[in-house]
Amino acid sequence: MALNLIGFWLVWLVVQIVLNVPIESHLVGWSQELALDAIKLIVWLGAGAWFLHQAAPSDLYLANRDQWRPNWRFTPGYLVLALVIIYLVGQFMLAHHGLRISHTFRPEFWGRYFLVVGVSEEFVFRGYFLNVLLTRYSLATANTIQALAFASLHIPRYLTTIPAMSPMAWISNLVSVAALGALFGWLYARSKSLWPGIVVHMTWDILVTLFA
């Protein structure tokens, strides 16, 4: 599993450098978004499907078909979703003295941040990495490992961000992503479903993109 993580990290770094950065530099609007969305879906869903295909059933906490079943009775999922919305909306209202749409937001962001990222990242990190770790470690240990791994997969993006991010921005973002990864992991393990984490993940991303 460690080799899968390292290999995937390197592949995503190459994809960022060779494909995503040129696309962001030369395309605009919907053409840029559709290209980036297609790459994210192909690379991440493809990797997740391949990893799960190679894993033995005994290495998985949940079978792939089982983890895609919604768990509508998982009450903590609704509570976490409500708390996330209240927290983010309150934070933005305090920061901006009201709720306003960010001047950098574009309608095409709904595809990437509300649909593509949440599904693809939850599938790889909770649907595969945490899925395997839960058969080997306690929830606390497995969740910590996958949350740190989840944060590390954002580094290729940060390395290729133009203009370069400040050291404080790096630290702040990595800590936030690791904390969110742990939250998504807890939702997955307790609900035995990918969907609570996907919904909360999508909600967080689109609200941050819409109002930050």
Protein backbone atom coordinates (compact mmCIF):
# COMPACT_ATOMS: atom_id res chain seq x y z
CA MET A 1 0.00 0.00 0.00
CA ALA A 2 2.86 2.40 0.78
CA LEU A 3 4.22 1.84 -2.74
CA ASN A 4 0.79 2.63 -4.17
CA LEU A 5 0.75 5.91 -2.27
CA ILE A 6 4.25 6.90 -3.36
CA GLY A 7 3.57 5.92 -6.95
CA PHE A 8 0.29 7.80 -7.01
CA TRP A 9 1.95 10.88 -5.46
CA LEU A 10 4.61 10.89 -8.20
CA VAL A 11 2.06 10.32 -10.96
CA TRP A 12 -0.07 13.22 -9.71
CA LEU A 13 3.00 15.49 -9.54
CA VAL A 14 3.84 14.65 -13.16
CA VAL A 15 0.23 15.21 -14.21
CA GLN A 16 0.25 18.61 -12.50
CA ILE A 17 3.46 19.66 -14.25
CA VAL A 18 2.85 18.17 -17.68
CA LEU A 19 -0.91 18.61 -18.07
CA ASN A 20 -2.66 20.76 -15.49
CA VAL A 21 -0.28 23.73 -15.38
CA PRO A 22 -0.22 24.15 -19.20
CA ILE A 23 -4.02 23.80 -19.32
CA GLU A 24 -4.42 26.48 -16.67
CA SER A 25 -2.00 28.71 -18.59
CA HIS A 26 -3.49 28.34 -22.07
CA LEU A 27 -7.18 27.58 -21.64
CA VAL A 28 -9.93 29.61 -19.99
CA GLY A 29 -13.56 29.16 -19.00
CA TRP A 30 -15.41 25.93 -19.62
CA SER A 31 -12.73 24.43 -21.86
CA GLN A 32 -10.22 24.72 -19.02
CA GLU A 33 -12.64 23.33 -16.44
CA LEU A 34 -13.74 20.38 -18.57
CA ALA A 35 -10.14 19.45 -19.34
CA LEU A 36 -9.09 19.64 -15.68
CA ASP A 37 -12.19 17.72 -14.58
CA ALA A 38 -11.57 14.96 -17.12
CA ILE A 39 -7.95 14.58 -16.00
CA LYS A 40 -8.92 14.45 -12.32
CA LEU A 41 -11.59 11.84 -12.92
CA ILE A 42 -9.45 9.65 -15.14
CA VAL A 43 -6.37 9.73 -12.93
CA TRP A 44 -8.04 9.49 -9.52
CA LEU A 45 -10.95 7.16 -10.27
CA GLY A 46 -8.69 5.05 -12.45
CA ALA A 47 -6.11 4.75 -9.68
CA GLY A 48 -8.74 3.96 -7.04
CA ALA A 49 -10.35 1.29 -9.21
CA TRP A 50 -6.96 -0.28 -10.00
CA PHE A 51 -5.87 -0.31 -6.35
CA LEU A 52 -9.11 -1.98 -5.27
CA HIS A 53 -8.89 -4.48 -8.11
CA GLN A 54 -5.43 -5.52 -6.95
CA ALA A 55 -6.40 -5.78 -3.26
CA ALA A 56 -7.43 -9.12 -1.80
CA PRO A 57 -10.89 -9.21 -0.16
CA SER A 58 -9.25 -9.92 3.20
CA ASP A 59 -7.31 -6.65 2.88
CA LEU A 60 -10.48 -4.54 2.70
CA TYR A 61 -12.65 -3.26 5.53
CA LEU A 62 -15.54 -2.89 3.07
CA ALA A 63 -16.08 -4.45 -0.34
CA ASN A 64 -16.20 -1.86 -3.12
CA ARG A 65 -19.88 -2.44 -3.88
CA ASP A 66 -20.78 -2.15 -0.18
CA GLN A 67 -19.02 1.16 0.42
CA TRP A 68 -21.01 2.83 -2.37
CA ARG A 69 -24.34 2.06 -0.70
CA PRO A 70 -25.88 5.16 0.93
CA ASN A 71 -26.49 5.01 4.66
CA TRP A 72 -29.51 7.29 5.10
CA ARG A 73 -29.85 6.35 8.78
CA PHE A 74 -26.41 7.65 9.73
CA THR A 75 -27.56 10.61 11.85
CA PRO A 76 -24.03 11.95 12.66
CA GLY A 77 -23.56 12.59 8.95
CA TYR A 78 -26.43 15.08 8.90
CA LEU A 79 -25.15 16.71 12.08
CA VAL A 80 -21.63 17.11 10.69
CA LEU A 81 -23.01 18.55 7.45
CA ALA A 82 -25.09 21.10 9.35
CA LEU A 83 -22.14 22.09 11.57
CA VAL A 84 -19.87 22.52 8.53
CA ILE A 85 -22.39 24.80 6.83
CA ILE A 86 -22.96 26.86 9.99
CA TYR A 87 -19.22 27.12 10.66
CA LEU A 88 -18.25 28.21 7.15
CA VAL A 89 -21.13 30.60 6.60
CA GLY A 90 -20.52 32.17 10.02
CA GLN A 91 -16.80 32.48 9.34
CA PHE A 92 -17.35 34.16 5.99
CA MET A 93 -19.95 36.54 7.39
CA LEU A 94 -17.58 37.63 10.16
CA ALA A 95 -14.66 38.01 7.77
CA HIS A 96 -16.56 39.99 5.14
CA HIS A 97 -19.22 41.66 7.32
CA GLY A 98 -21.86 39.78 5.41
CA LEU A 99 -22.19 36.98 2.91
CA ARG A 100 -20.95 37.78 -0.58
CA ILE A 101 -19.87 35.68 -3.53
CA SER A 102 -16.12 35.80 -4.11
CA HIS A 103 -15.00 37.86 -7.10
CA THR A 104 -12.82 34.93 -8.20
CA PHE A 105 -15.72 32.46 -8.34
CA ARG A 106 -16.83 31.23 -11.77
CA PRO A 107 -19.96 29.16 -12.52
CA GLU A 108 -17.86 26.36 -14.00
CA PHE A 109 -16.32 25.79 -10.55
CA TRP A 110 -19.52 23.93 -9.61
CA GLY A 111 -18.31 20.98 -11.66
CA ARG A 112 -14.82 20.73 -10.23
CA TYR A 113 -15.40 21.65 -6.62
CA PHE A 114 -18.91 20.36 -6.07
CA LEU A 115 -18.82 17.14 -8.07
CA VAL A 116 -15.42 15.96 -9.27
CA VAL A 117 -13.10 16.57 -6.33
CA GLY A 118 -15.34 15.18 -3.60
CA VAL A 119 -16.13 11.93 -5.39
CA SER A 120 -12.64 11.24 -6.73
CA GLU A 121 -10.70 12.07 -3.56
CA GLU A 122 -13.07 10.19 -1.26
CA PHE A 123 -12.90 7.13 -3.50
CA VAL A 124 -9.09 6.98 -3.43
CA PHE A 125 -8.38 7.95 0.17
CA ARG A 126 -11.32 6.63 2.11
CA GLY A 127 -12.47 4.01 -0.38
CA TYR A 128 -9.02 2.49 -0.80
CA PHE A 129 -6.32 3.71 1.59
CA LEU A 130 -8.45 3.93 4.75
CA ASN A 131 -10.35 0.84 3.64
CA VAL A 132 -7.11 -1.17 3.76
CA LEU A 133 -5.70 0.51 6.87
CA LEU A 134 -8.79 -0.32 8.92
CA THR A 135 -8.03 -4.03 8.55
CA ARG A 136 -4.56 -3.52 10.04
CA TYR A 137 -4.85 -0.79 12.67
CA SER A 138 -7.28 0.80 15.08
CA LEU A 139 -9.57 3.52 13.76
CA ALA A 140 -7.49 6.26 15.41
CA THR A 141 -4.22 5.03 13.91
CA ALA A 142 -5.63 4.21 10.48
CA ASN A 143 -7.45 7.53 10.28
CA THR A 144 -4.35 9.50 11.26
CA ILE A 145 -2.21 7.76 8.64
CA GLN A 146 -4.69 8.30 5.82
CA ALA A 147 -5.34 11.93 6.84
CA LEU A 148 -1.62 12.70 6.65
CA ALA A 149 -1.39 10.86 3.32
CA PHE A 150 -4.39 12.85 2.08
CA ALA A 151 -2.66 16.11 2.99
CA SER A 152 0.52 14.99 1.25
CA LEU A 153 -1.36 14.48 -2.05
CA HIS A 154 -2.12 18.20 -2.07
CA ILE A 155 1.59 19.05 -2.15
CA PRO A 156 1.95 18.50 -5.94
CA ARG A 157 -0.75 21.13 -6.41
CA TYR A 158 0.94 23.54 -4.01
CA LEU A 159 4.32 23.02 -5.68
CA THR A 160 2.90 24.03 -9.05
CA THR A 161 0.77 26.96 -7.87
CA ILE A 162 1.63 30.27 -9.53
CA PRO A 163 2.47 32.59 -7.83
CA ALA A 164 4.20 30.41 -5.26
CA MET A 165 2.48 29.97 -1.90
CA SER A 166 4.01 31.43 1.25
CA PRO A 167 5.34 29.09 3.97
CA MET A 168 2.45 30.08 6.25
CA ALA A 169 -0.06 29.28 3.52
CA TRP A 170 1.55 25.86 3.09
CA ILE A 171 1.33 25.09 6.79
CA SER A 172 -2.21 26.40 7.16
CA ASN A 173 -3.49 24.50 4.14
CA LEU A 174 -1.80 21.22 5.04
CA VAL A 175 -3.11 21.33 8.61
CA SER A 176 -6.63 22.11 7.39
CA VAL A 177 -6.56 19.36 4.77
CA ALA A 178 -5.27 16.78 7.27
CA ALA A 179 -8.00 17.73 9.75
CA LEU A 180 -10.67 17.45 7.06
CA GLY A 181 -9.21 14.13 5.93
CA ALA A 182 -9.58 12.81 9.47
CA LEU A 183 -13.19 14.02 9.58
CA PHE A 184 -14.01 12.37 6.25
CA GLY A 185 -12.28 9.21 7.43
CA TRP A 186 -14.33 9.09 10.62
CA LEU A 187 -17.54 9.51 8.62
CA TYR A 188 -16.51 6.65 6.34
CA ALA A 189 -15.56 4.25 9.12
CA ARG A 190 -18.64 4.93 11.23
CA SER A 191 -21.20 4.99 8.42
CA LYS A 192 -19.59 2.20 6.37
CA SER A 193 -20.37 4.27 3.30
CA LEU A 194 -18.50 6.72 1.09
CA TRP A 195 -21.48 9.04 0.74
CA PRO A 196 -21.44 11.00 4.04
CA GLY A 197 -17.82 11.97 3.41
CA ILE A 198 -18.52 12.80 -0.23
CA VAL A 199 -21.43 15.08 0.66
CA VAL A 200 -19.54 16.91 3.42
CA HIS A 201 -16.42 17.15 1.23
CA MET A 202 -18.36 18.62 -1.70
CA THR A 203 -20.18 21.06 0.57
CA TRP A 204 -16.95 22.28 2.16
CA ASP A 205 -15.20 22.78 -1.19
CA ILE A 206 -18.01 24.64 -2.92
CA LEU A 207 -18.72 26.93 0.03
CA VAL A 208 -15.05 27.82 0.40
CA THR A 209 -14.81 28.47 -3.35
CA LEU A 210 -18.08 30.41 -3.46
CA PHE A 211 -17.64 32.72 -0.46
CA ALA A 212 -13.94 32.86 0.51
